[in-house]
Amino acid sequence: MGDFNHPDICWRDNTAERKQSRKFLECVDDNLLLQVIEEPTRRGAMLDLILTNKEGLVGDVKLKGSLGCSDHRMVEFKILRAARRVRSKLTTLDFRRADFGLFRDLLGRIP
């Protein structure tokens, strides 16, 4: 959770205009993270994000008014317990089962 300050990112399309924002999107994707905020949090931009590694772990996300002099909206959310599991649509790799010797051998054959 935090203010990541990438106003040019379109989370719906997973695109960005600036190189730095594209690198941030790539990092989020490489680490199999999901962004769960769906509405702008500051002046029409989605700057404040909640990133999670499990679908269904964060829920009841609500944007509230600003706190004090801040021009960001407050984000309220719940971290859900395991009892309320949602089956993830993400496929993850089990690297403990990988044959790295074979992998090295195959890579060594590439000219």
PDB file of N, CA and C in Angstrom:
ATOM      1  N   MET A   1       0.858  -1.167   0.000  1.00  0.00           N
ATOM      2  CA  MET A   1       0.000   0.000   0.000  1.00  0.00           C
ATOM      3  C   MET A   1       0.898   1.223   0.000  1.00  0.00           C
ATOM      4  N   GLY A   2       0.589   2.165  -0.847  1.00  0.00           N
ATOM      5  CA  GLY A   2       1.370   3.381  -0.833  1.00  0.00           C
ATOM      6  C   GLY A   2       1.118   4.265  -2.037  1.00  0.00           C
ATOM      7  N   ASP A   3       1.730   5.440  -2.011  1.00  0.00           N
ATOM      8  CA  ASP A   3       1.654   6.405  -3.103  1.00  0.00           C
ATOM      9  C   ASP A   3       2.826   6.128  -4.035  1.00  0.00           C
ATOM     10  N   PHE A   4       2.551   5.530  -5.178  1.00  0.00           N
ATOM     11  CA  PHE A   4       3.606   5.119  -6.099  1.00  0.00           C
ATOM     12  C   PHE A   4       3.894   6.169  -7.168  1.00  0.00           C
ATOM     13  N   ASN A   5       3.027   7.174  -7.289  1.00  0.00           N
ATOM     14  CA  ASN A   5       3.284   8.340  -8.129  1.00  0.00           C
ATOM     15  C   ASN A   5       3.604   8.006  -9.592  1.00  0.00           C
ATOM     16  N   HIS A   6       2.762   7.202 -10.203  1.00  0.00           N
ATOM     17  CA  HIS A   6       2.854   6.899 -11.631  1.00  0.00           C
ATOM     18  C   HIS A   6       1.508   7.248 -12.276  1.00  0.00           C
ATOM     19  N   PRO A   7       1.252   8.553 -12.467  1.00  0.00           N
ATOM     20  CA  PRO A   7      -0.072   8.961 -12.968  1.00  0.00           C
ATOM     21  C   PRO A   7      -0.371   8.531 -14.397  1.00  0.00           C
ATOM     22  N   ASP A   8       0.654   8.165 -15.168  1.00  0.00           N
ATOM     23  CA  ASP A   8       0.447   7.805 -16.575  1.00  0.00           C
ATOM     24  C   ASP A   8       0.091   6.326 -16.774  1.00  0.00           C
ATOM     25  N   ILE A   9       0.061   5.542 -15.700  1.00  0.00           N
ATOM     26  CA  ILE A   9      -0.266   4.121 -15.835  1.00  0.00           C
ATOM     27  C   ILE A   9      -1.768   3.940 -15.980  1.00  0.00           C
ATOM     28  N   CYS A  10      -2.158   3.150 -16.978  1.00  0.00           N
ATOM     29  CA  CYS A  10      -3.554   2.723 -17.127  1.00  0.00           C
ATOM     30  C   CYS A  10      -3.595   1.285 -16.632  1.00  0.00           C
ATOM     31  N   TRP A  11      -4.123   1.086 -15.419  1.00  0.00           N
ATOM     32  CA  TRP A  11      -4.139  -0.237 -14.808  1.00  0.00           C
ATOM     33  C   TRP A  11      -5.101  -1.180 -15.510  1.00  0.00           C
ATOM     34  N   ARG A  12      -6.123  -0.637 -16.116  1.00  0.00           N
ATOM     35  CA  ARG A  12      -7.096  -1.485 -16.820  1.00  0.00           C
ATOM     36  C   ARG A  12      -6.448  -2.154 -18.032  1.00  0.00           C
ATOM     37  N   ASP A  13      -5.602  -1.398 -18.759  1.00  0.00           N
ATOM     38  CA  ASP A  13      -4.952  -1.915 -19.968  1.00  0.00           C
ATOM     39  C   ASP A  13      -3.519  -2.382 -19.725  1.00  0.00           C
ATOM     40  N   ASN A  14      -3.012  -2.116 -18.510  1.00  0.00           N
ATOM     41  CA  ASN A  14      -1.637  -2.466 -18.158  1.00  0.00           C
ATOM     42  C   ASN A  14      -0.635  -1.788 -19.101  1.00  0.00           C
ATOM     43  N   THR A  15      -0.835  -0.482 -19.311  1.00  0.00           N
ATOM     44  CA  THR A  15       0.037   0.295 -20.184  1.00  0.00           C
ATOM     45  C   THR A  15       0.486   1.568 -19.473  1.00  0.00           C
ATOM     46  N   ALA A  16       1.559   2.169 -19.989  1.00  0.00           N
ATOM     47  CA  ALA A  16       2.065   3.425 -19.431  1.00  0.00           C
ATOM     48  C   ALA A  16       2.788   4.196 -20.521  1.00  0.00           C
ATOM     49  N   GLU A  17       2.820   5.514 -20.368  1.00  0.00           N
ATOM     50  CA  GLU A  17       3.489   6.371 -21.344  1.00  0.00           C
ATOM     51  C   GLU A  17       4.980   6.501 -21.058  1.00  0.00           C
ATOM     52  N   ARG A  18       5.340   6.717 -19.793  1.00  0.00           N
ATOM     53  CA  ARG A  18       6.742   6.965 -19.435  1.00  0.00           C
ATOM     54  C   ARG A  18       7.511   5.670 -19.229  1.00  0.00           C
ATOM     55  N   LYS A  19       8.803   5.705 -19.560  1.00  0.00           N
ATOM     56  CA  LYS A  19       9.665   4.530 -19.427  1.00  0.00           C
ATOM     57  C   LYS A  19       9.725   4.040 -17.982  1.00  0.00           C
ATOM     58  N   GLN A  20       9.839   4.962 -17.030  1.00  0.00           N
ATOM     59  CA  GLN A  20       9.915   4.599 -15.621  1.00  0.00           C
ATOM     60  C   GLN A  20       8.641   3.865 -15.183  1.00  0.00           C
ATOM     61  N   SER A  21       7.495   4.312 -15.657  1.00  0.00           N
ATOM     62  CA  SER A  21       6.225   3.674 -15.315  1.00  0.00           C
ATOM     63  C   SER A  21       6.112   2.299 -15.963  1.00  0.00           C
ATOM     64  N   ARG A  22       6.612   2.167 -17.190  1.00  0.00           N
ATOM     65  CA  ARG A  22       6.612   0.848 -17.855  1.00  0.00           C
ATOM     66  C   ARG A  22       7.493  -0.139 -17.095  1.00  0.00           C
ATOM     67  N   LYS A  23       8.629   0.346 -16.577  1.00  0.00           N
ATOM     68  CA  LYS A  23       9.507  -0.509 -15.778  1.00  0.00           C
ATOM     69  C   LYS A  23       8.796  -0.927 -14.479  1.00  0.00           C
ATOM     70  N   PHE A  24       8.052  -0.014 -13.883  1.00  0.00           N
ATOM     71  CA  PHE A  24       7.299  -0.341 -12.673  1.00  0.00           C
ATOM     72  C   PHE A  24       6.250  -1.414 -12.978  1.00  0.00           C
ATOM     73  N   LEU A  25       5.524  -1.253 -14.085  1.00  0.00           N
ATOM     74  CA  LEU A  25       4.546  -2.263 -14.491  1.00  0.00           C
ATOM     75  C   LEU A  25       5.210  -3.615 -14.709  1.00  0.00           C
ATOM     76  N   GLU A  26       6.380  -3.609 -15.336  1.00  0.00           N
ATOM     77  CA  GLU A  26       7.121  -4.850 -15.572  1.00  0.00           C
ATOM     78  C   GLU A  26       7.506  -5.513 -14.249  1.00  0.00           C
ATOM     79  N   CYS A  27       7.917  -4.714 -13.285  1.00  0.00           N
ATOM     80  CA  CYS A  27       8.286  -5.231 -11.964  1.00  0.00           C
ATOM     81  C   CYS A  27       7.068  -5.853 -11.272  1.00  0.00           C
ATOM     82  N   VAL A  28       5.943  -5.172 -11.340  1.00  0.00           N
ATOM     83  CA  VAL A  28       4.702  -5.695 -10.753  1.00  0.00           C
ATOM     84  C   VAL A  28       4.349  -7.023 -11.405  1.00  0.00           C
ATOM     85  N   ASP A  29       4.448  -7.079 -12.720  1.00  0.00           N
ATOM     86  CA  ASP A  29       4.126  -8.299 -13.467  1.00  0.00           C
ATOM     87  C   ASP A  29       5.122  -9.423 -13.152  1.00  0.00           C
ATOM     88  N   ASP A  30       6.412  -9.100 -13.130  1.00  0.00           N
ATOM     89  CA  ASP A  30       7.441 -10.104 -12.852  1.00  0.00           C
ATOM     90  C   ASP A  30       7.282 -10.730 -11.471  1.00  0.00           C
ATOM     91  N   ASN A  31       6.747  -9.982 -10.525  1.00  0.00           N
ATOM     92  CA  ASN A  31       6.575 -10.474  -9.168  1.00  0.00           C
ATOM     93  C   ASN A  31       5.164 -11.000  -8.899  1.00  0.00           C
ATOM     94  N   LEU A  32       4.399 -11.172  -9.980  1.00  0.00           N
ATOM     95  CA  LEU A  32       3.043 -11.741  -9.909  1.00  0.00           C
ATOM     96  C   LEU A  32       2.157 -11.000  -8.916  1.00  0.00           C
ATOM     97  N   LEU A  33       2.242  -9.662  -8.951  1.00  0.00           N
ATOM     98  CA  LEU A  33       1.431  -8.846  -8.050  1.00  0.00           C
ATOM     99  C   LEU A  33       0.172  -8.360  -8.757  1.00  0.00           C
ATOM    100  N   LEU A  34      -0.862  -8.148  -7.966  1.00  0.00           N
ATOM    101  CA  LEU A  34      -2.127  -7.610  -8.459  1.00  0.00           C
ATOM    102  C   LEU A  34      -2.357  -6.265  -7.797  1.00  0.00           C
ATOM    103  N   GLN A  35      -2.865  -5.317  -8.549  1.00  0.00           N
ATOM    104  CA  GLN A  35      -3.192  -3.992  -8.033  1.00  0.00           C
ATOM    105  C   GLN A  35      -4.713  -3.958  -7.879  1.00  0.00           C
ATOM    106  N   VAL A  36      -5.226  -3.614  -6.686  1.00  0.00           N
ATOM    107  CA  VAL A  36      -6.658  -3.757  -6.427  1.00  0.00           C
ATOM    108  C   VAL A  36      -7.461  -2.460  -6.369  1.00  0.00           C
ATOM    109  N   ILE A  37      -6.817  -1.303  -6.376  1.00  0.00           N
ATOM    110  CA  ILE A  37      -7.550  -0.032  -6.390  1.00  0.00           C
ATOM    111  C   ILE A  37      -8.167   0.144  -7.772  1.00  0.00           C
ATOM    112  N   GLU A  38      -9.420   0.576  -7.823  1.00  0.00           N
ATOM    113  CA  GLU A  38     -10.092   0.717  -9.116  1.00  0.00           C
ATOM    114  C   GLU A  38     -10.522   2.138  -9.447  1.00  0.00           C
ATOM    115  N   GLU A  39     -10.361   3.066  -8.505  1.00  0.00           N
ATOM    116  CA  GLU A  39     -10.784   4.453  -8.726  1.00  0.00           C
ATOM    117  C   GLU A  39      -9.612   5.407  -8.496  1.00  0.00           C
ATOM    118  N   PRO A  40      -9.663   6.586  -9.112  1.00  0.00           N
ATOM    119  CA  PRO A  40      -8.599   7.577  -8.885  1.00  0.00           C
ATOM    120  C   PRO A  40      -8.526   7.990  -7.418  1.00  0.00           C
ATOM    121  N   THR A  41      -7.308   8.193  -6.945  1.00  0.00           N
ATOM    122  CA  THR A  41      -7.109   8.583  -5.548  1.00  0.00           C
ATOM    123  C   THR A  41      -6.622  10.021  -5.394  1.00  0.00           C
ATOM    124  N   ARG A  42      -6.210  10.631  -6.494  1.00  0.00           N
ATOM    125  CA  ARG A  42      -5.745  12.025  -6.443  1.00  0.00           C
ATOM    126  C   ARG A  42      -5.949  12.686  -7.796  1.00  0.00           C
ATOM    127  N   ARG A  43      -6.786  13.693  -7.841  1.00  0.00           N
ATOM    128  CA  ARG A  43      -7.015  14.510  -9.042  1.00  0.00           C
ATOM    129  C   ARG A  43      -7.168  13.675 -10.318  1.00  0.00           C
ATOM    130  N   GLY A  44      -7.981  12.658 -10.291  1.00  0.00           N
ATOM    131  CA  GLY A  44      -8.248  11.847 -11.467  1.00  0.00           C
ATOM    132  C   GLY A  44      -7.196  10.803 -11.790  1.00  0.00           C
ATOM    133  N   ALA A  45      -6.150  10.713 -10.974  1.00  0.00           N
ATOM    134  CA  ALA A  45      -5.085   9.727 -11.205  1.00  0.00           C
ATOM    135  C   ALA A  45      -5.092   8.675 -10.099  1.00  0.00           C
ATOM    136  N   MET A  46      -4.684   7.487 -10.448  1.00  0.00           N
ATOM    137  CA  MET A  46      -4.598   6.394  -9.486  1.00  0.00           C
ATOM    138  C   MET A  46      -3.153   6.299  -9.005  1.00  0.00           C
ATOM    139  N   LEU A  47      -2.830   7.054  -7.964  1.00  0.00           N
ATOM    140  CA  LEU A  47      -1.465   7.099  -7.449  1.00  0.00           C
ATOM    141  C   LEU A  47      -1.275   6.178  -6.254  1.00  0.00           C
ATOM    142  N   ASP A  48      -2.292   6.088  -5.415  1.00  0.00           N
ATOM    143  CA  ASP A  48      -2.220   5.252  -4.223  1.00  0.00           C
ATOM    144  C   ASP A  48      -2.678   3.851  -4.606  1.00  0.00           C
ATOM    145  N   LEU A  49      -1.825   2.876  -4.365  1.00  0.00           N
ATOM    146  CA  LEU A  49      -2.076   1.518  -4.833  1.00  0.00           C
ATOM    147  C   LEU A  49      -2.048   0.525  -3.686  1.00  0.00           C
ATOM    148  N   ILE A  50      -2.756  -0.562  -3.861  1.00  0.00           N
ATOM    149  CA  ILE A  50      -2.634  -1.722  -2.989  1.00  0.00           C
ATOM    150  C   ILE A  50      -2.187  -2.867  -3.878  1.00  0.00           C
ATOM    151  N   LEU A  51      -1.000  -3.369  -3.614  1.00  0.00           N
ATOM    152  CA  LEU A  51      -0.462  -4.492  -4.374  1.00  0.00           C
ATOM    153  C   LEU A  51      -0.505  -5.738  -3.499  1.00  0.00           C
ATOM    154  N   THR A  52      -0.963  -6.851  -4.067  1.00  0.00           N
ATOM    155  CA  THR A  52      -1.044  -8.103  -3.332  1.00  0.00           C
ATOM    156  C   THR A  52      -0.573  -9.243  -4.219  1.00  0.00           C
ATOM    157  N   ASN A  53      -0.148 -10.313  -3.586  1.00  0.00           N
ATOM    158  CA  ASN A  53       0.299 -11.468  -4.362  1.00  0.00           C
ATOM    159  C   ASN A  53      -0.756 -12.565  -4.420  1.00  0.00           C
ATOM    160  N   LYS A  54      -1.918 -12.329  -3.812  1.00  0.00           N
ATOM    161  CA  LYS A  54      -2.980 -13.328  -3.831  1.00  0.00           C
ATOM    162  C   LYS A  54      -4.324 -12.674  -4.105  1.00  0.00           C
ATOM    163  N   GLU A  55      -5.003 -13.184  -5.082  1.00  0.00           N
ATOM    164  CA  GLU A  55      -6.354 -12.713  -5.372  1.00  0.00           C
ATOM    165  C   GLU A  55      -7.250 -13.110  -4.201  1.00  0.00           C
ATOM    166  N   GLY A  56      -8.064 -12.172  -3.725  1.00  0.00           N
ATOM    167  CA  GLY A  56      -8.962 -12.447  -2.617  1.00  0.00           C
ATOM    168  C   GLY A  56      -8.376 -12.186  -1.247  1.00  0.00           C
ATOM    169  N   LEU A  57      -7.121 -11.781  -1.172  1.00  0.00           N
ATOM    170  CA  LEU A  57      -6.498 -11.487   0.120  1.00  0.00           C
ATOM    171  C   LEU A  57      -6.923 -10.120   0.644  1.00  0.00           C
ATOM    172  N   VAL A  58      -7.171  -9.181  -0.272  1.00  0.00           N
ATOM    173  CA  VAL A  58      -7.586  -7.824   0.086  1.00  0.00           C
ATOM    174  C   VAL A  58      -9.006  -7.615  -0.437  1.00  0.00           C
ATOM    175  N   GLY A  59      -9.874  -7.060   0.407  1.00  0.00           N
ATOM    176  CA  GLY A  59     -11.247  -6.838  -0.025  1.00  0.00           C
ATOM    177  C   GLY A  59     -11.854  -5.614   0.627  1.00  0.00           C
ATOM    178  N   ASP A  60     -13.098  -5.359   0.282  1.00  0.00           N
ATOM    179  CA  ASP A  60     -13.855  -4.221   0.827  1.00  0.00           C
ATOM    180  C   ASP A  60     -13.083  -2.915   0.699  1.00  0.00           C
ATOM    181  N   VAL A  61     -12.527  -2.670  -0.466  1.00  0.00           N
ATOM    182  CA  VAL A  61     -11.749  -1.444  -0.706  1.00  0.00           C
ATOM    183  C   VAL A  61     -12.710  -0.280  -0.896  1.00  0.00           C
ATOM    184  N   LYS A  62     -12.510   0.764  -0.092  1.00  0.00           N
ATOM    185  CA  LYS A  62     -13.357   1.958  -0.171  1.00  0.00           C
ATOM    186  C   LYS A  62     -12.475   3.189  -0.163  1.00  0.00           C
ATOM    187  N   LEU A  63     -12.800   4.139  -1.031  1.00  0.00           N
ATOM    188  CA  LEU A  63     -12.098   5.413  -1.027  1.00  0.00           C
ATOM    189  C   LEU A  63     -12.935   6.414  -0.256  1.00  0.00           C
ATOM    190  N   LYS A  64     -12.301   7.106   0.670  1.00  0.00           N
ATOM    191  CA  LYS A  64     -12.966   8.086   1.528  1.00  0.00           C
ATOM    192  C   LYS A  64     -12.470   9.479   1.181  1.00  0.00           C
ATOM    193  N   GLY A  65     -12.916  10.458   1.921  1.00  0.00           N
ATOM    194  CA  GLY A  65     -12.463  11.832   1.726  1.00  0.00           C
ATOM    195  C   GLY A  65     -11.003  11.972   2.112  1.00  0.00           C
ATOM    196  N   SER A  66     -10.477  13.167   1.949  1.00  0.00           N
ATOM    197  CA  SER A  66      -9.064  13.383   2.278  1.00  0.00           C
ATOM    198  C   SER A  66      -8.905  13.625   3.776  1.00  0.00           C
ATOM    199  N   LEU A  67      -7.698  13.425   4.256  1.00  0.00           N
ATOM    200  CA  LEU A  67      -7.387  13.605   5.665  1.00  0.00           C
ATOM    201  C   LEU A  67      -6.543  14.860   5.815  1.00  0.00           C
ATOM    202  N   GLY A  68      -7.016  15.797   6.591  1.00  0.00           N
ATOM    203  CA  GLY A  68      -6.279  17.036   6.803  1.00  0.00           C
ATOM    204  C   GLY A  68      -6.126  17.828   5.516  1.00  0.00           C
ATOM    205  N   CYS A  69      -4.909  18.262   5.245  1.00  0.00           N
ATOM    206  CA  CYS A  69      -4.626  19.079   4.062  1.00  0.00           C
ATOM    207  C   CYS A  69      -4.237  18.249   2.841  1.00  0.00           C
ATOM    208  N   SER A  70      -4.249  16.940   2.960  1.00  0.00           N
ATOM    209  CA  SER A  70      -3.830  16.083   1.855  1.00  0.00           C
ATOM    210  C   SER A  70      -4.797  16.182   0.684  1.00  0.00           C
ATOM    211  N   ASP A  71      -4.256  16.098  -0.538  1.00  0.00           N
ATOM    212  CA  ASP A  71      -5.124  16.095  -1.715  1.00  0.00           C
ATOM    213  C   ASP A  71      -5.333  14.664  -2.236  1.00  0.00           C
ATOM    214  N   HIS A  72      -4.897  13.672  -1.452  1.00  0.00           N
ATOM    215  CA  HIS A  72      -5.145  12.265  -1.762  1.00  0.00           C
ATOM    216  C   HIS A  72      -6.371  11.791  -0.983  1.00  0.00           C
ATOM    217  N   ARG A  73      -7.104  10.883  -1.579  1.00  0.00           N
ATOM    218  CA  ARG A  73      -8.236  10.288  -0.870  1.00  0.00           C
ATOM    219  C   ARG A  73      -7.726   9.169   0.038  1.00  0.00           C
ATOM    220  N   MET A  74      -8.376   8.999   1.185  1.00  0.00           N
ATOM    221  CA  MET A  74      -8.011   7.902   2.073  1.00  0.00           C
ATOM    222  C   MET A  74      -8.504   6.591   1.469  1.00  0.00           C
ATOM    223  N   VAL A  75      -7.718   5.536   1.670  1.00  0.00           N
ATOM    224  CA  VAL A  75      -8.073   4.209   1.178  1.00  0.00           C
ATOM    225  C   VAL A  75      -8.315   3.322   2.387  1.00  0.00           C
ATOM    226  N   GLU A  76      -9.499   2.755   2.440  1.00  0.00           N
ATOM    227  CA  GLU A  76      -9.840   1.823   3.521  1.00  0.00           C
ATOM    228  C   GLU A  76     -10.022   0.444   2.900  1.00  0.00           C
ATOM    229  N   PHE A  77      -9.452  -0.580   3.536  1.00  0.00           N
ATOM    230  CA  PHE A  77      -9.576  -1.930   2.995  1.00  0.00           C
ATOM    231  C   PHE A  77      -9.422  -2.945   4.119  1.00  0.00           C
ATOM    232  N   LYS A  78      -9.802  -4.163   3.831  1.00  0.00           N
ATOM    233  CA  LYS A  78      -9.659  -5.250   4.794  1.00  0.00           C
ATOM    234  C   LYS A  78      -8.728  -6.310   4.220  1.00  0.00           C
ATOM    235  N   ILE A  79      -7.929  -6.877   5.109  1.00  0.00           N
ATOM    236  CA  ILE A  79      -7.138  -8.044   4.740  1.00  0.00           C
ATOM    237  C   ILE A  79      -7.961  -9.241   5.180  1.00  0.00           C
ATOM    238  N   LEU A  80      -8.319 -10.064   4.207  1.00  0.00           N
ATOM    239  CA  LEU A  80      -9.228 -11.165   4.474  1.00  0.00           C
ATOM    240  C   LEU A  80      -8.465 -12.389   4.955  1.00  0.00           C
ATOM    241  N   ARG A  81      -9.117 -13.167   5.776  1.00  0.00           N
ATOM    242  CA  ARG A  81      -8.498 -14.390   6.296  1.00  0.00           C
ATOM    243  C   ARG A  81      -8.527 -15.505   5.259  1.00  0.00           C
ATOM    244  N   ALA A  82      -7.782 -16.550   5.538  1.00  0.00           N
ATOM    245  CA  ALA A  82      -7.706 -17.695   4.631  1.00  0.00           C
ATOM    246  C   ALA A  82      -9.054 -18.405   4.497  1.00  0.00           C
ATOM    247  N   ALA A  83      -9.941 -18.270   5.475  1.00  0.00           N
ATOM    248  CA  ALA A  83     -11.237 -18.947   5.425  1.00  0.00           C
ATOM    249  C   ALA A  83     -12.062 -18.483   4.236  1.00  0.00           C
ATOM    250  N   ARG A  84     -11.761 -17.299   3.743  1.00  0.00           N
ATOM    251  CA  ARG A  84     -12.516 -16.731   2.631  1.00  0.00           C
ATOM    252  C   ARG A  84     -11.685 -16.771   1.353  1.00  0.00           C
ATOM    253  N   ARG A  85     -11.108 -17.909   1.086  1.00  0.00           N
ATOM    254  CA  ARG A  85     -10.212 -18.043  -0.061  1.00  0.00           C
ATOM    255  C   ARG A  85     -10.941 -17.938  -1.382  1.00  0.00           C
ATOM    256  N   VAL A  86     -10.239 -17.352  -2.306  1.00  0.00           N
ATOM    257  CA  VAL A  86     -10.715 -17.264  -3.678  1.00  0.00           C
ATOM    258  C   VAL A  86      -9.687 -17.997  -4.526  1.00  0.00           C
ATOM    259  N   ARG A  87     -10.135 -18.851  -5.390  1.00  0.00           N
ATOM    260  CA  ARG A  87      -9.213 -19.599  -6.239  1.00  0.00           C
ATOM    261  C   ARG A  87      -8.512 -18.644  -7.191  1.00  0.00           C
ATOM    262  N   SER A  88      -7.198 -18.641  -7.146  1.00  0.00           N
ATOM    263  CA  SER A  88      -6.405 -17.740  -7.968  1.00  0.00           C
ATOM    264  C   SER A  88      -6.396 -18.187  -9.420  1.00  0.00           C
ATOM    265  N   LYS A  89      -6.415 -17.217 -10.309  1.00  0.00           N
ATOM    266  CA  LYS A  89      -6.341 -17.495 -11.736  1.00  0.00           C
ATOM    267  C   LYS A  89      -4.892 -17.459 -12.218  1.00  0.00           C
ATOM    268  N   LEU A  90      -3.966 -17.111 -11.301  1.00  0.00           N
ATOM    269  CA  LEU A  90      -2.559 -17.034 -11.663  1.00  0.00           C
ATOM    270  C   LEU A  90      -1.912 -18.411 -11.602  1.00  0.00           C
ATOM    271  N   THR A  91      -1.074 -18.688 -12.540  1.00  0.00           N
ATOM    272  CA  THR A  91      -0.290 -19.915 -12.523  1.00  0.00           C
ATOM    273  C   THR A  91       1.107 -19.545 -12.063  1.00  0.00           C
ATOM    274  N   THR A  92       1.608 -20.264 -11.082  1.00  0.00           N
ATOM    275  CA  THR A  92       2.958 -19.999 -10.595  1.00  0.00           C
ATOM    276  C   THR A  92       3.822 -21.219 -10.839  1.00  0.00           C
ATOM    277  N   LEU A  93       5.095 -20.971 -10.976  1.00  0.00           N
ATOM    278  CA  LEU A  93       6.048 -22.046 -11.225  1.00  0.00           C
ATOM    279  C   LEU A  93       6.638 -22.531  -9.907  1.00  0.00           C
ATOM    280  N   ASP A  94       6.852 -23.840  -9.800  1.00  0.00           N
ATOM    281  CA  ASP A  94       7.474 -24.429  -8.624  1.00  0.00           C
ATOM    282  C   ASP A  94       8.934 -24.691  -8.963  1.00  0.00           C
ATOM    283  N   PHE A  95       9.815 -23.743  -8.629  1.00  0.00           N
ATOM    284  CA  PHE A  95      11.217 -23.838  -8.989  1.00  0.00           C
ATOM    285  C   PHE A  95      11.950 -24.923  -8.205  1.00  0.00           C
ATOM    286  N   ARG A  96      11.366 -25.408  -7.114  1.00  0.00           N
ATOM    287  CA  ARG A  96      11.998 -26.488  -6.357  1.00  0.00           C
ATOM    288  C   ARG A  96      12.024 -27.778  -7.170  1.00  0.00           C
ATOM    289  N   ARG A  97      11.120 -27.905  -8.132  1.00  0.00           N
ATOM    290  CA  ARG A  97      11.039 -29.112  -8.945  1.00  0.00           C
ATOM    291  C   ARG A  97      11.803 -28.982 -10.266  1.00  0.00           C
ATOM    292  N   ALA A  98      12.428 -27.849 -10.482  1.00  0.00           N
ATOM    293  CA  ALA A  98      13.121 -27.598 -11.750  1.00  0.00           C
ATOM    294  C   ALA A  98      14.411 -28.402 -11.839  1.00  0.00           C
ATOM    295  N   ASP A  99      14.760 -28.798 -13.048  1.00  0.00           N
ATOM    296  CA  ASP A  99      16.011 -29.507 -13.317  1.00  0.00           C
ATOM    297  C   ASP A  99      16.997 -28.486 -13.888  1.00  0.00           C
ATOM    298  N   PHE A 100      17.719 -27.807 -12.979  1.00  0.00           N
ATOM    299  CA  PHE A 100      18.614 -26.745 -13.413  1.00  0.00           C
ATOM    300  C   PHE A 100      19.826 -27.286 -14.157  1.00  0.00           C
ATOM    301  N   GLY A 101      20.234 -28.518 -13.876  1.00  0.00           N
ATOM    302  CA  GLY A 101      21.331 -29.136 -14.630  1.00  0.00           C
ATOM    303  C   GLY A 101      20.958 -29.272 -16.095  1.00  0.00           C
ATOM    304  N   LEU A 102      19.759 -29.765 -16.359  1.00  0.00           N
ATOM    305  CA  LEU A 102      19.270 -29.883 -17.732  1.00  0.00           C
ATOM    306  C   LEU A 102      19.145 -28.503 -18.373  1.00  0.00           C
ATOM    307  N   PHE A 103      18.667 -27.552 -17.612  1.00  0.00           N
ATOM    308  CA  PHE A 103      18.505 -26.182 -18.108  1.00  0.00           C
ATOM    309  C   PHE A 103      19.861 -25.612 -18.534  1.00  0.00           C
ATOM    310  N   ARG A 104      20.892 -25.787 -17.679  1.00  0.00           N
ATOM    311  CA  ARG A 104      22.233 -25.313 -18.004  1.00  0.00           C
ATOM    312  C   ARG A 104      22.762 -26.000 -19.271  1.00  0.00           C
ATOM    313  N   ASP A 105      22.523 -27.310 -19.343  1.00  0.00           N
ATOM    314  CA  ASP A 105      22.972 -28.078 -20.505  1.00  0.00           C
ATOM    315  C   ASP A 105      22.329 -27.561 -21.788  1.00  0.00           C
ATOM    316  N   LEU A 106      21.026 -27.325 -21.739  1.00  0.00           N
ATOM    317  CA  LEU A 106      20.316 -26.829 -22.921  1.00  0.00           C
ATOM    318  C   LEU A 106      20.795 -25.436 -23.317  1.00  0.00           C
ATOM    319  N   LEU A 107      21.015 -24.577 -22.323  1.00  0.00           N
ATOM    320  CA  LEU A 107      21.517 -23.238 -22.616  1.00  0.00           C
ATOM    321  C   LEU A 107      22.928 -23.292 -23.195  1.00  0.00           C
ATOM    322  N   GLY A 108      23.735 -24.254 -22.745  1.00  0.00           N
ATOM    323  CA  GLY A 108      25.099 -24.398 -23.240  1.00  0.00           C
ATOM    324  C   GLY A 108      25.153 -24.818 -24.703  1.00  0.00           C
ATOM    325  N   ARG A 109      24.091 -25.379 -25.214  1.00  0.00           N
ATOM    326  CA  ARG A 109      24.036 -25.827 -26.601  1.00  0.00           C
ATOM    327  C   ARG A 109      23.672 -24.687 -27.576  1.00  0.00           C
ATOM    328  N   ILE A 110      23.281 -23.573 -27.062  1.00  0.00           N
ATOM    329  CA  ILE A 110      22.888 -22.444 -27.903  1.00  0.00           C
ATOM    330  C   ILE A 110      24.147 -21.727 -28.371  1.00  0.00           C
ATOM    331  N   PRO A 111      24.320 -21.577 -29.705  1.00  0.00           N
ATOM    332  CA  PRO A 111      25.531 -20.919 -30.223  1.00  0.00           C
ATOM    333  C   PRO A 111      25.564 -19.441 -29.884  1.00  0.00           C
TER     334      PRO A 111
END
